[in-house]
Protein backbone atom coordinates (compact mmCIF):
# COMPACT_ATOMS: atom_id res chain seq x y z
CA MET A 1 -47.97 36.04 9.72
CA ILE A 2 -50.81 36.79 7.36
CA ASP A 3 -52.63 33.69 6.10
CA ASP A 4 -52.62 34.13 2.32
CA ARG A 5 -53.84 30.69 1.22
CA GLY A 6 -56.64 32.21 -0.86
CA TYR A 7 -54.30 34.73 -2.50
CA PHE A 8 -54.73 33.47 -6.07
CA ASN A 9 -58.48 33.05 -5.65
CA GLN A 10 -58.79 36.70 -4.70
CA PHE A 11 -56.06 38.15 -6.92
CA LYS A 12 -55.75 36.46 -10.32
CA ALA A 13 -52.09 36.36 -11.33
CA PRO A 14 -51.45 33.35 -13.58
CA ILE A 15 -47.79 34.13 -14.35
CA PHE A 16 -46.92 34.66 -10.68
CA GLU A 17 -48.93 31.58 -9.68
CA ALA A 18 -47.03 29.50 -12.23
CA SER A 19 -43.70 30.76 -10.89
CA CYS A 20 -44.68 29.75 -7.34
CA LYS A 21 -46.31 26.38 -8.05
CA ASP A 22 -43.19 24.34 -7.27
CA HIS A 23 -42.60 25.88 -3.84
CA ILE A 24 -43.43 23.47 -1.03
CA ASP A 25 -45.20 25.96 1.28
CA THR A 26 -48.81 26.89 0.47
CA VAL A 27 -48.85 30.10 2.50
CA ILE A 28 -47.78 33.10 0.42
CA ASN A 29 -45.60 35.46 2.44
CA HIS A 30 -46.90 39.03 2.17
CA SER A 31 -43.57 40.20 0.68
CA THR A 32 -43.44 37.38 -1.89
CA PRO A 33 -45.39 39.11 -4.69
CA TYR A 34 -42.75 41.84 -4.80
CA TYR A 35 -39.32 40.70 -3.63
CA GLY A 36 -39.20 37.14 -4.91
CA PRO A 37 -39.71 37.94 -8.60
CA LEU A 38 -37.45 41.00 -8.24
CA LEU A 39 -34.64 38.83 -6.88
CA TYR A 40 -35.22 36.29 -9.65
CA TRP A 41 -34.93 38.91 -12.40
CA LEU A 42 -31.93 40.62 -10.78
CA THR A 43 -30.21 37.22 -10.63
CA ARG A 44 -31.07 36.51 -14.26
CA CYS A 45 -30.12 39.96 -15.56
CA SER A 46 -26.78 39.94 -13.77
CA GLY A 47 -25.95 36.45 -15.05
CA ALA A 48 -25.11 35.37 -11.49
CA LYS A 49 -23.56 31.93 -11.15
CA TYR A 50 -23.56 31.99 -7.35
CA ALA A 51 -26.02 33.39 -4.82
CA MET A 52 -25.71 33.51 -1.04
CA GLU A 53 -28.61 34.37 1.21
CA ILE A 54 -28.08 35.06 4.89
CA GLY A 55 -31.30 34.52 6.81
CA VAL A 56 -33.81 32.00 5.48
CA CYS A 57 -37.31 31.65 6.91
CA LYS A 58 -39.69 29.64 4.72
CA GLY A 59 -37.56 29.72 1.62
CA TRP A 60 -39.55 32.00 -0.66
CA THR A 61 -36.65 34.27 -1.61
CA SER A 62 -34.40 31.20 -1.58
CA TYR A 63 -36.64 29.59 -4.17
CA PHE A 64 -36.48 32.60 -6.48
CA LEU A 65 -32.71 33.11 -6.09
CA ALA A 66 -31.97 29.43 -6.65
CA SER A 67 -34.31 29.36 -9.66
CA GLY A 68 -32.47 32.33 -11.17
CA VAL A 69 -29.08 30.65 -10.67
CA LYS A 70 -30.42 27.38 -12.13
CA ASP A 71 -31.83 29.16 -15.18
CA ASN A 72 -28.54 31.02 -15.69
CA MET A 73 -26.66 27.73 -15.55
CA THR A 74 -29.03 26.22 -18.10
CA ARG A 75 -28.52 29.23 -20.36
CA LEU A 76 -24.77 29.69 -19.81
CA GLY A 77 -23.87 26.01 -19.46
CA SER A 78 -21.48 26.20 -16.54
CA GLY A 79 -21.58 25.24 -12.86
CA GLY A 80 -23.12 27.47 -10.23
CA GLN A 81 -24.59 27.18 -6.77
CA TYR A 82 -27.03 28.72 -4.30
CA PHE A 83 -25.99 29.00 -0.63
CA GLY A 84 -28.52 29.63 2.14
CA ILE A 85 -27.42 30.33 5.69
């Protein structure tokens, strides 16, 4: 795995940094800058109430999917859930 701990020092991205600040792991996966936000916006745009992810490593995509479901539930006001296998 690539050690990306200095990612935000080298590449300034305040919006992306803010979206990742609550994730527990400090190492940015090399696919995170692309797939995580994409999954978040696909979840939000589709209005998904449920998300299931098969195959979880460090939880980066899990974080973005679950955040999208949570934000949809806040906006739509009904129950939803994220499932990670």
